[in-house]
Every structure is written in structure tokens, then in C-alpha cells.
All heavy atoms as atom14 arrays in JSON, in Angstrom:
{
  "sequence": "PEAAWVRADARALAFVEDFDLAVTFGALGHFLPAE",
  "atom14_mask": [
    [1, 1, 1, 1, 1, 1, 1, 0, 0, 0, 0, 0, 0, 0],
    [1, 1, 1, 1, 1, 1, 1, 1, 1, 0, 0, 0, 0, 0],
    [1, 1, 1, 1, 1, 0, 0, 0, 0, 0, 0, 0, 0, 0],
    [1, 1, 1, 1, 1, 0, 0, 0, 0, 0, 0, 0, 0, 0],
    [1, 1, 1, 1, 1, 1, 1, 1, 1, 1, 1, 1, 1, 1],
    [1, 1, 1, 1, 1, 1, 1, 0, 0, 0, 0, 0, 0, 0],
    [1, 1, 1, 1, 1, 1, 1, 1, 1, 1, 1, 0, 0, 0],
    [1, 1, 1, 1, 1, 0, 0, 0, 0, 0, 0, 0, 0, 0],
    [1, 1, 1, 1, 1, 1, 1, 1, 0, 0, 0, 0, 0, 0],
    [1, 1, 1, 1, 1, 0, 0, 0, 0, 0, 0, 0, 0, 0],
    [1, 1, 1, 1, 1, 1, 1, 1, 1, 1, 1, 0, 0, 0],
    [1, 1, 1, 1, 1, 0, 0, 0, 0, 0, 0, 0, 0, 0],
    [1, 1, 1, 1, 1, 1, 1, 1, 0, 0, 0, 0, 0, 0],
    [1, 1, 1, 1, 1, 0, 0, 0, 0, 0, 0, 0, 0, 0],
    [1, 1, 1, 1, 1, 1, 1, 1, 1, 1, 1, 0, 0, 0],
    [1, 1, 1, 1, 1, 1, 1, 0, 0, 0, 0, 0, 0, 0],
    [1, 1, 1, 1, 1, 1, 1, 1, 1, 0, 0, 0, 0, 0],
    [1, 1, 1, 1, 1, 1, 1, 1, 0, 0, 0, 0, 0, 0],
    [1, 1, 1, 1, 1, 1, 1, 1, 1, 1, 1, 0, 0, 0],
    [1, 1, 1, 1, 1, 1, 1, 1, 0, 0, 0, 0, 0, 0],
    [1, 1, 1, 1, 1, 1, 1, 1, 0, 0, 0, 0, 0, 0],
    [1, 1, 1, 1, 1, 0, 0, 0, 0, 0, 0, 0, 0, 0],
    [1, 1, 1, 1, 1, 1, 1, 0, 0, 0, 0, 0, 0, 0],
    [1, 1, 1, 1, 1, 1, 1, 0, 0, 0, 0, 0, 0, 0],
    [1, 1, 1, 1, 1, 1, 1, 1, 1, 1, 1, 0, 0, 0],
    [1, 1, 1, 1, 0, 0, 0, 0, 0, 0, 0, 0, 0, 0],
    [1, 1, 1, 1, 1, 0, 0, 0, 0, 0, 0, 0, 0, 0],
    [1, 1, 1, 1, 1, 1, 1, 1, 0, 0, 0, 0, 0, 0],
    [1, 1, 1, 1, 0, 0, 0, 0, 0, 0, 0, 0, 0, 0],
    [1, 1, 1, 1, 1, 1, 1, 1, 1, 1, 0, 0, 0, 0],
    [1, 1, 1, 1, 1, 1, 1, 1, 1, 1, 1, 0, 0, 0],
    [1, 1, 1, 1, 1, 1, 1, 1, 0, 0, 0, 0, 0, 0],
    [1, 1, 1, 1, 1, 1, 1, 0, 0, 0, 0, 0, 0, 0],
    [1, 1, 1, 1, 1, 0, 0, 0, 0, 0, 0, 0, 0, 0],
    [1, 1, 1, 1, 1, 1, 1, 1, 1, 0, 0, 0, 0, 0]
  ],
  "atom14_positions": [
    [[140.23, 141.27, 91.26], [139.76, 142.66, 91.22], [138.92, 143.05, 92.42], [138.7, 144.25, 92.67], [138.93, 142.71, 89.92], [138.53, 141.28, 89.68], [139.67, 140.45, 90.18], [0.0, 0.0, 0.0], [0.0, 0.0, 0.0], [0.0, 0.0, 0.0], [0.0, 0.0, 0.0], [0.0, 0.0, 0.0], [0.0, 0.0, 0.0], [0.0, 0.0, 0.0]],
    [[138.44, 142.08, 93.18], [137.6, 142.39, 94.34], [138.42, 142.88, 95.54], [137.85, 143.45, 96.48], [136.8, 141.14, 94.75], [137.61, 140.05, 95.45], [138.52, 139.24, 94.52], [138.49, 139.46, 93.29], [139.25, 138.36, 95.02], [0.0, 0.0, 0.0], [0.0, 0.0, 0.0], [0.0, 0.0, 0.0], [0.0, 0.0, 0.0], [0.0, 0.0, 0.0]],
    [[139.72, 142.66, 95.52], [140.58, 143.04, 96.64], [141.11, 144.46, 96.45], [141.06, 145.04, 95.36], [141.75, 142.06, 96.77], [0.0, 0.0, 0.0], [0.0, 0.0, 0.0], [0.0, 0.0, 0.0], [0.0, 0.0, 0.0], [0.0, 0.0, 0.0], [0.0, 0.0, 0.0], [0.0, 0.0, 0.0], [0.0, 0.0, 0.0], [0.0, 0.0, 0.0]],
    [[141.63, 145.03, 97.54], [142.3, 146.33, 97.49], [143.8, 146.1, 97.38], [144.33, 145.16, 97.97], [141.98, 147.15, 98.74], [0.0, 0.0, 0.0], [0.0, 0.0, 0.0], [0.0, 0.0, 0.0], [0.0, 0.0, 0.0], [0.0, 0.0, 0.0], [0.0, 0.0, 0.0], [0.0, 0.0, 0.0], [0.0, 0.0, 0.0], [0.0, 0.0, 0.0]],
    [[144.48, 146.96, 96.64], [145.91, 146.77, 96.4], [146.65, 148.06, 96.68], [146.24, 149.14, 96.23], [146.15, 146.32, 94.95], [145.4, 145.06, 94.65], [144.23, 144.95, 93.98], [145.75, 143.75, 95.07], [143.82, 143.64, 93.94], [144.74, 142.87, 94.6], [146.82, 143.21, 95.79], [144.76, 141.51, 94.84], [146.86, 141.85, 96.02], [145.83, 141.01, 95.54]],
    [[147.73, 147.96, 97.45], [148.49, 149.13, 97.89], [149.95, 148.92, 97.56], [150.54, 147.88, 97.91], [148.32, 149.36, 99.4], [149.18, 150.54, 99.86], [146.86, 149.58, 99.76], [0.0, 0.0, 0.0], [0.0, 0.0, 0.0], [0.0, 0.0, 0.0], [0.0, 0.0, 0.0], [0.0, 0.0, 0.0], [0.0, 0.0, 0.0], [0.0, 0.0, 0.0]],
    [[150.54, 149.89, 96.89], [151.98, 149.84, 96.63], [152.72, 150.53, 97.76], [152.51, 151.71, 98.02], [152.31, 150.5, 95.29], [153.77, 150.31, 94.89], [154.09, 151.01, 93.6], [155.49, 150.79, 93.21], [156.13, 151.47, 92.29], [155.5, 152.43, 91.62], [157.39, 151.2, 92.01], [0.0, 0.0, 0.0], [0.0, 0.0, 0.0], [0.0, 0.0, 0.0]],
    [[153.56, 149.77, 98.46], [154.28, 150.32, 99.61], [155.43, 149.41, 99.96], [155.44, 148.23, 99.61], [153.35, 150.49, 100.81], [0.0, 0.0, 0.0], [0.0, 0.0, 0.0], [0.0, 0.0, 0.0], [0.0, 0.0, 0.0], [0.0, 0.0, 0.0], [0.0, 0.0, 0.0], [0.0, 0.0, 0.0], [0.0, 0.0, 0.0], [0.0, 0.0, 0.0]],
    [[156.39, 149.96, 100.67], [157.5, 149.2, 101.21], [157.04, 148.55, 102.5], [156.58, 149.24, 103.43], [158.69, 150.14, 101.47], [159.96, 149.4, 101.84], [159.89, 148.3, 102.43], [161.05, 149.94, 101.55], [0.0, 0.0, 0.0], [0.0, 0.0, 0.0], [0.0, 0.0, 0.0], [0.0, 0.0, 0.0], [0.0, 0.0, 0.0], [0.0, 0.0, 0.0]],
    [[157.15, 147.24, 102.6], [156.68, 146.52, 103.78], [157.46, 146.89, 105.04], [157.0, 146.62, 106.15], [156.76, 145.02, 103.55], [0.0, 0.0, 0.0], [0.0, 0.0, 0.0], [0.0, 0.0, 0.0], [0.0, 0.0, 0.0], [0.0, 0.0, 0.0], [0.0, 0.0, 0.0], [0.0, 0.0, 0.0], [0.0, 0.0, 0.0], [0.0, 0.0, 0.0]],
    [[158.62, 147.52, 104.87], [159.39, 147.96, 106.04], [158.87, 149.28, 106.59], [159.36, 149.75, 107.63], [160.86, 148.1, 105.65], [161.52, 146.79, 105.24], [162.85, 147.03, 104.56], [162.68, 147.75, 103.31], [163.66, 147.99, 102.43], [164.88, 147.54, 102.7], [163.42, 148.65, 101.32], [0.0, 0.0, 0.0], [0.0, 0.0, 0.0], [0.0, 0.0, 0.0]],
    [[157.89, 149.87, 105.93], [157.34, 151.15, 106.38], [155.83, 151.18, 106.14], [155.3, 152.09, 105.5], [158.02, 152.31, 105.65], [0.0, 0.0, 0.0], [0.0, 0.0, 0.0], [0.0, 0.0, 0.0], [0.0, 0.0, 0.0], [0.0, 0.0, 0.0], [0.0, 0.0, 0.0], [0.0, 0.0, 0.0], [0.0, 0.0, 0.0], [0.0, 0.0, 0.0]],
    [[155.13, 150.19, 106.66], [153.69, 150.12, 106.48], [153.01, 151.28, 107.21], [153.35, 151.61, 108.35], [153.15, 148.79, 107.01], [153.62, 147.53, 106.27], [153.1, 146.29, 106.98], [153.16, 147.56, 104.81], [0.0, 0.0, 0.0], [0.0, 0.0, 0.0], [0.0, 0.0, 0.0], [0.0, 0.0, 0.0], [0.0, 0.0, 0.0], [0.0, 0.0, 0.0]],
    [[152.01, 151.86, 106.55], [151.33, 153.03, 107.11], [150.01, 152.67, 107.78], [149.33, 153.56, 108.31], [151.09, 154.07, 106.01], [0.0, 0.0, 0.0], [0.0, 0.0, 0.0], [0.0, 0.0, 0.0], [0.0, 0.0, 0.0], [0.0, 0.0, 0.0], [0.0, 0.0, 0.0], [0.0, 0.0, 0.0], [0.0, 0.0, 0.0], [0.0, 0.0, 0.0]],
    [[149.62, 151.4, 107.78], [148.35, 151.01, 108.38], [148.41, 151.09, 109.9], [149.45, 150.8, 110.5], [148.0, 149.57, 107.97], [148.0, 149.33, 106.49], [148.95, 148.5, 105.92], [147.05, 149.91, 105.67], [148.96, 148.27, 104.56], [147.05, 149.69, 104.31], [148.02, 148.87, 103.74], [0.0, 0.0, 0.0], [0.0, 0.0, 0.0], [0.0, 0.0, 0.0]],
    [[147.29, 151.43, 110.51], [147.19, 151.48, 111.97], [145.88, 150.82, 112.4], [144.79, 151.35, 112.15], [147.24, 152.93, 112.5], [147.11, 152.94, 114.02], [148.55, 153.61, 112.07], [0.0, 0.0, 0.0], [0.0, 0.0, 0.0], [0.0, 0.0, 0.0], [0.0, 0.0, 0.0], [0.0, 0.0, 0.0], [0.0, 0.0, 0.0], [0.0, 0.0, 0.0]],
    [[145.99, 149.65, 112.99], [144.85, 148.89, 113.51], [143.73, 148.78, 112.48], [142.55, 149.02, 112.79], [144.35, 149.51, 114.82], [145.39, 149.41, 115.93], [144.86, 149.77, 117.3], [143.66, 150.14, 117.41], [145.64, 149.69, 118.27], [0.0, 0.0, 0.0], [0.0, 0.0, 0.0], [0.0, 0.0, 0.0], [0.0, 0.0, 0.0], [0.0, 0.0, 0.0]],
    [[144.08, 148.37, 111.28], [143.11, 148.23, 110.2], [142.71, 146.8, 109.92], [141.74, 146.56, 109.19], [143.68, 148.83, 108.9], [143.82, 150.34, 108.95], [142.9, 150.98, 109.48], [144.84, 150.86, 108.47], [0.0, 0.0, 0.0], [0.0, 0.0, 0.0], [0.0, 0.0, 0.0], [0.0, 0.0, 0.0], [0.0, 0.0, 0.0], [0.0, 0.0, 0.0]],
    [[143.44, 145.81, 110.47], [143.23, 144.42, 110.06], [143.16, 143.48, 111.26], [143.7, 143.77, 112.34], [144.38, 143.99, 109.13], [144.51, 144.85, 107.91], [145.45, 145.88, 107.86], [143.67, 144.67, 106.82], [145.55, 146.69, 106.74], [143.76, 145.47, 105.7], [144.71, 146.49, 105.65], [0.0, 0.0, 0.0], [0.0, 0.0, 0.0], [0.0, 0.0, 0.0]],
    [[142.5, 142.36, 111.03], [142.37, 141.32, 112.05], [143.28, 140.12, 111.77], [143.62, 139.38, 112.68], [140.92, 140.84, 112.11], [139.96, 141.99, 112.35], [139.93, 142.49, 113.49], [139.28, 142.42, 111.39], [0.0, 0.0, 0.0], [0.0, 0.0, 0.0], [0.0, 0.0, 0.0], [0.0, 0.0, 0.0], [0.0, 0.0, 0.0], [0.0, 0.0, 0.0]],
    [[143.65, 139.93, 110.51], [144.53, 138.84, 110.11], [145.51, 139.35, 109.07], [145.11, 140.03, 108.11], [143.72, 137.68, 109.51], [144.53, 136.53, 108.89], [145.36, 135.8, 109.95], [143.6, 135.55, 108.16], [0.0, 0.0, 0.0], [0.0, 0.0, 0.0], [0.0, 0.0, 0.0], [0.0, 0.0, 0.0], [0.0, 0.0, 0.0], [0.0, 0.0, 0.0]],
    [[146.79, 139.07, 109.27], [147.82, 139.37, 108.28], [148.56, 138.08, 107.96], [148.8, 137.26, 108.84], [148.8, 140.43, 108.79], [0.0, 0.0, 0.0], [0.0, 0.0, 0.0], [0.0, 0.0, 0.0], [0.0, 0.0, 0.0], [0.0, 0.0, 0.0], [0.0, 0.0, 0.0], [0.0, 0.0, 0.0], [0.0, 0.0, 0.0], [0.0, 0.0, 0.0]],
    [[148.91, 137.91, 106.69], [149.66, 136.74, 106.25], [150.8, 137.2, 105.36], [150.79, 138.31, 104.83], [148.77, 135.73, 105.49], [147.67, 135.17, 106.39], [148.17, 136.37, 104.23], [0.0, 0.0, 0.0], [0.0, 0.0, 0.0], [0.0, 0.0, 0.0], [0.0, 0.0, 0.0], [0.0, 0.0, 0.0], [0.0, 0.0, 0.0], [0.0, 0.0, 0.0]],
    [[151.76, 136.33, 105.19], [152.8, 136.55, 104.18], [153.31, 135.19, 103.74], [153.33, 134.23, 104.53], [153.94, 137.44, 104.72], [154.78, 137.84, 103.62], [154.79, 136.72, 105.76], [0.0, 0.0, 0.0], [0.0, 0.0, 0.0], [0.0, 0.0, 0.0], [0.0, 0.0, 0.0], [0.0, 0.0, 0.0], [0.0, 0.0, 0.0], [0.0, 0.0, 0.0]],
    [[153.7, 135.09, 102.49], [154.12, 133.81, 101.92], [155.41, 133.98, 101.13], [155.45, 134.72, 100.15], [153.02, 133.24, 101.01], [151.76, 132.89, 101.74], [150.71, 133.79, 101.81], [151.63, 131.67, 102.38], [149.56, 133.49, 102.49], [150.48, 131.35, 103.08], [149.44, 132.26, 103.13], [0.0, 0.0, 0.0], [0.0, 0.0, 0.0], [0.0, 0.0, 0.0]],
    [[156.46, 133.32, 101.57], [157.69, 133.26, 100.81], [158.45, 134.56, 100.68], [159.3, 134.68, 99.8], [0.0, 0.0, 0.0], [0.0, 0.0, 0.0], [0.0, 0.0, 0.0], [0.0, 0.0, 0.0], [0.0, 0.0, 0.0], [0.0, 0.0, 0.0], [0.0, 0.0, 0.0], [0.0, 0.0, 0.0], [0.0, 0.0, 0.0], [0.0, 0.0, 0.0]],
    [[158.18, 135.54, 101.55], [158.78, 136.86, 101.38], [159.88, 137.17, 102.38], [160.64, 138.11, 102.17], [157.7, 137.94, 101.46], [0.0, 0.0, 0.0], [0.0, 0.0, 0.0], [0.0, 0.0, 0.0], [0.0, 0.0, 0.0], [0.0, 0.0, 0.0], [0.0, 0.0, 0.0], [0.0, 0.0, 0.0], [0.0, 0.0, 0.0], [0.0, 0.0, 0.0]],
    [[159.97, 136.43, 103.47], [160.89, 136.83, 104.54], [162.35, 136.81, 104.11], [163.17, 137.54, 104.66], [160.69, 135.94, 105.76], [159.33, 136.07, 106.47], [159.3, 135.19, 107.71], [159.04, 137.52, 106.84], [0.0, 0.0, 0.0], [0.0, 0.0, 0.0], [0.0, 0.0, 0.0], [0.0, 0.0, 0.0], [0.0, 0.0, 0.0], [0.0, 0.0, 0.0]],
    [[162.69, 135.99, 103.12], [164.07, 135.96, 102.64], [164.5, 137.22, 101.93], [165.69, 137.41, 101.65], [0.0, 0.0, 0.0], [0.0, 0.0, 0.0], [0.0, 0.0, 0.0], [0.0, 0.0, 0.0], [0.0, 0.0, 0.0], [0.0, 0.0, 0.0], [0.0, 0.0, 0.0], [0.0, 0.0, 0.0], [0.0, 0.0, 0.0], [0.0, 0.0, 0.0]],
    [[163.53, 138.12, 101.65], [163.87, 139.4, 101.03], [164.25, 140.47, 102.06], [164.54, 141.61, 101.67], [162.69, 139.91, 100.2], [162.45, 139.13, 98.95], [163.4, 138.98, 97.97], [161.36, 138.44, 98.52], [162.91, 138.25, 96.99], [161.68, 137.91, 97.3], [0.0, 0.0, 0.0], [0.0, 0.0, 0.0], [0.0, 0.0, 0.0], [0.0, 0.0, 0.0]],
    [[164.24, 140.11, 103.33], [164.55, 141.08, 104.38], [165.76, 140.59, 105.17], [165.74, 139.49, 105.73], [163.35, 141.25, 105.31], [162.12, 141.75, 104.61], [161.18, 140.87, 104.11], [161.93, 143.11, 104.43], [160.06, 141.33, 103.44], [160.81, 143.58, 103.77], [159.87, 142.69, 103.26], [0.0, 0.0, 0.0], [0.0, 0.0, 0.0], [0.0, 0.0, 0.0]],
    [[166.78, 141.4, 105.21], [167.95, 141.07, 106.01], [167.55, 141.06, 107.49], [166.58, 141.7, 107.88], [169.05, 142.09, 105.76], [169.62, 142.13, 104.34], [170.57, 143.31, 104.17], [170.33, 140.81, 104.0], [0.0, 0.0, 0.0], [0.0, 0.0, 0.0], [0.0, 0.0, 0.0], [0.0, 0.0, 0.0], [0.0, 0.0, 0.0], [0.0, 0.0, 0.0]],
    [[168.28, 140.32, 108.31], [167.92, 140.26, 109.73], [167.74, 141.64, 110.37], [166.84, 141.83, 111.19], [169.09, 139.49, 110.35], [169.53, 138.58, 109.25], [169.37, 139.38, 107.98], [0.0, 0.0, 0.0], [0.0, 0.0, 0.0], [0.0, 0.0, 0.0], [0.0, 0.0, 0.0], [0.0, 0.0, 0.0], [0.0, 0.0, 0.0], [0.0, 0.0, 0.0]],
    [[168.56, 142.6, 109.98], [168.45, 143.94, 110.55], [167.18, 144.66, 110.11], [166.77, 145.66, 110.72], [169.67, 144.77, 110.17], [0.0, 0.0, 0.0], [0.0, 0.0, 0.0], [0.0, 0.0, 0.0], [0.0, 0.0, 0.0], [0.0, 0.0, 0.0], [0.0, 0.0, 0.0], [0.0, 0.0, 0.0], [0.0, 0.0, 0.0], [0.0, 0.0, 0.0]],
    [[166.54, 144.18, 109.04], [165.33, 144.82, 108.53], [164.05, 144.2, 109.09], [162.98, 144.81, 109.0], [165.29, 144.72, 107.0], [166.43, 145.44, 106.31], [166.46, 145.19, 104.81], [166.27, 144.03, 104.39], [166.68, 146.16, 104.07], [0.0, 0.0, 0.0], [0.0, 0.0, 0.0], [0.0, 0.0, 0.0], [0.0, 0.0, 0.0], [0.0, 0.0, 0.0]]
  ]
}
């Protein structure tokens, strides 16, 4: 509950220079090479 949560399509992220570290785990197989 201490974190912020945003519902969005990762192919159309709306953030602009908001973060210093980004991570992802086990998700790349959900994106076709063209995506």
C-alpha cells in the first residue's frame, strides 16, 4: 500500500523523466518483437 499504482499499457507510457531506476521481471515475452 505504500507504493503508487498506475493502470496503463506499457507500450504507451505517459511518464516523462520521472524516475531514476526502472525494472521489469518476466514481462518481455508479452511483447512481440515489433512492439
